[in-house]
Amino acid sequence: MSFRLGGGSTMLIKRASGMRIVCHAGAVWISEYRRFDDSVLQAGESLTVHSDRDVVLSGLPDAQVALLSRGGQAQRAAATHHCAGQPEFLT
């Protein structure tokens, strides 16, 4: 699944274990529940979540992001919930 997080938009990914977060453009802030070290990805960078915690994504101020499951397949919105704003989903 690929989408754009505009300014003020956030997304919550429930139980993100094994999820690979890829930043294609802009920058995305990533905060994992009960972890004190947040991450910021720039265009071309990625991060794989190794815990089963919830993760919040936010564009800084905008980002184009892709979510990939362990097998590299696009993860669909069933595991996500929009907290604020509306991410623009890309095909």
Protein backbone atom coordinates (compact mmCIF):
# COMPACT_ATOMS: atom_id res chain seq x y z
CA MET A 1 0.00 0.00 0.00
CA SER A 2 1.38 3.39 -0.98
CA PHE A 3 -0.01 6.70 0.23
CA ARG A 4 0.78 10.36 0.84
CA LEU A 5 0.73 11.77 4.37
CA GLY A 6 0.00 15.48 4.09
CA GLY A 7 0.73 18.08 6.74
CA GLY A 8 -1.20 17.30 9.93
CA SER A 9 -2.06 13.75 8.84
CA THR A 10 -1.14 10.79 11.01
CA MET A 11 -1.70 7.07 10.67
CA LEU A 12 -1.78 4.37 13.33
CA ILE A 13 -0.61 0.89 12.38
CA LYS A 14 -1.84 -1.73 14.84
CA ARG A 15 0.53 -4.56 15.78
CA ALA A 16 3.14 -3.63 13.19
CA SER A 17 5.51 -6.59 13.66
CA GLY A 18 7.38 -7.35 10.44
CA MET A 19 6.03 -4.27 8.66
CA ARG A 20 8.54 -2.49 6.44
CA ILE A 21 7.95 1.26 6.18
CA VAL A 22 9.47 2.88 3.08
CA CYS A 23 9.70 6.64 2.53
CA HIS A 24 9.57 7.39 -1.21
CA ALA A 25 9.43 11.21 -0.97
CA GLY A 26 9.60 13.86 1.73
CA ALA A 27 10.16 12.74 5.32
CA VAL A 28 8.09 10.61 7.71
CA TRP A 29 8.24 10.58 11.52
CA ILE A 30 7.74 7.15 13.12
CA SER A 31 6.87 6.60 16.76
CA GLU A 32 6.55 3.11 18.23
CA TYR A 33 4.34 2.65 21.32
CA ARG A 34 6.36 2.54 24.57
CA ARG A 35 9.67 3.26 22.85
CA PHE A 36 11.56 6.42 23.60
CA ASP A 37 13.61 6.62 20.41
CA ASP A 38 11.50 7.85 17.50
CA SER A 39 12.74 7.62 13.91
CA VAL A 40 12.62 9.96 10.94
CA LEU A 41 12.97 8.52 7.45
CA GLN A 42 14.02 10.62 4.47
CA ALA A 43 13.24 9.77 0.83
CA GLY A 44 14.86 6.46 -0.10
CA GLU A 45 15.13 5.16 3.48
CA SER A 46 13.17 2.33 5.12
CA LEU A 47 12.65 0.78 8.53
CA THR A 48 11.36 -2.65 9.56
CA VAL A 49 9.34 -2.89 12.78
CA HIS A 50 10.59 -5.80 14.90
CA SER A 51 8.05 -5.65 17.74
CA ASP A 52 4.30 -6.25 17.83
CA ARG A 53 3.66 -2.71 19.10
CA ASP A 54 1.47 -0.06 17.51
CA VAL A 55 3.25 2.53 15.35
CA VAL A 56 2.23 6.10 14.47
CA LEU A 57 3.35 7.71 11.19
CA SER A 58 3.28 11.42 10.40
CA GLY A 59 4.55 13.42 7.41
CA LEU A 60 7.16 16.10 8.07
CA PRO A 61 5.33 18.01 6.67
CA ASP A 62 4.52 15.72 3.72
CA ALA A 63 5.66 12.22 2.81
CA GLN A 64 4.94 9.51 0.27
CA VAL A 65 5.09 6.21 2.13
CA ALA A 66 4.71 2.51 1.31
CA LEU A 67 3.91 -0.27 3.79
CA LEU A 68 5.20 -3.75 2.98
CA SER A 69 4.53 -6.96 4.89
CA ARG A 70 7.22 -9.52 5.68
CA GLY A 71 6.90 -11.19 2.30
CA GLY A 72 7.24 -7.84 0.52
CA GLN A 73 3.56 -7.65 -0.41
CA ALA A 74 1.65 -4.42 0.07
CA GLN A 75 -0.21 -4.29 3.38
CA ARG A 76 -3.83 -3.20 3.05
CA ALA A 77 -5.67 -0.75 5.26
CA ALA A 78 -7.20 -3.46 7.49
CA ALA A 79 -4.22 -3.05 9.81
CA THR A 80 -4.33 0.73 9.77
CA HIS A 81 -6.48 3.42 11.28
CA HIS A 82 -6.37 7.12 10.41
CA CYS A 83 -5.89 9.23 13.53
CA ALA A 84 -6.06 12.72 12.03
CA GLY A 85 -6.25 14.17 8.56
CA GLN A 86 -6.73 11.93 5.58
CA PRO A 87 -3.83 10.15 3.91
CA GLU A 88 -4.15 10.07 0.13
CA PHE A 89 -3.85 6.46 -1.04
CA LEU A 90 -1.96 5.88 -4.28
CA THR A 91 -2.32 2.93 -6.63
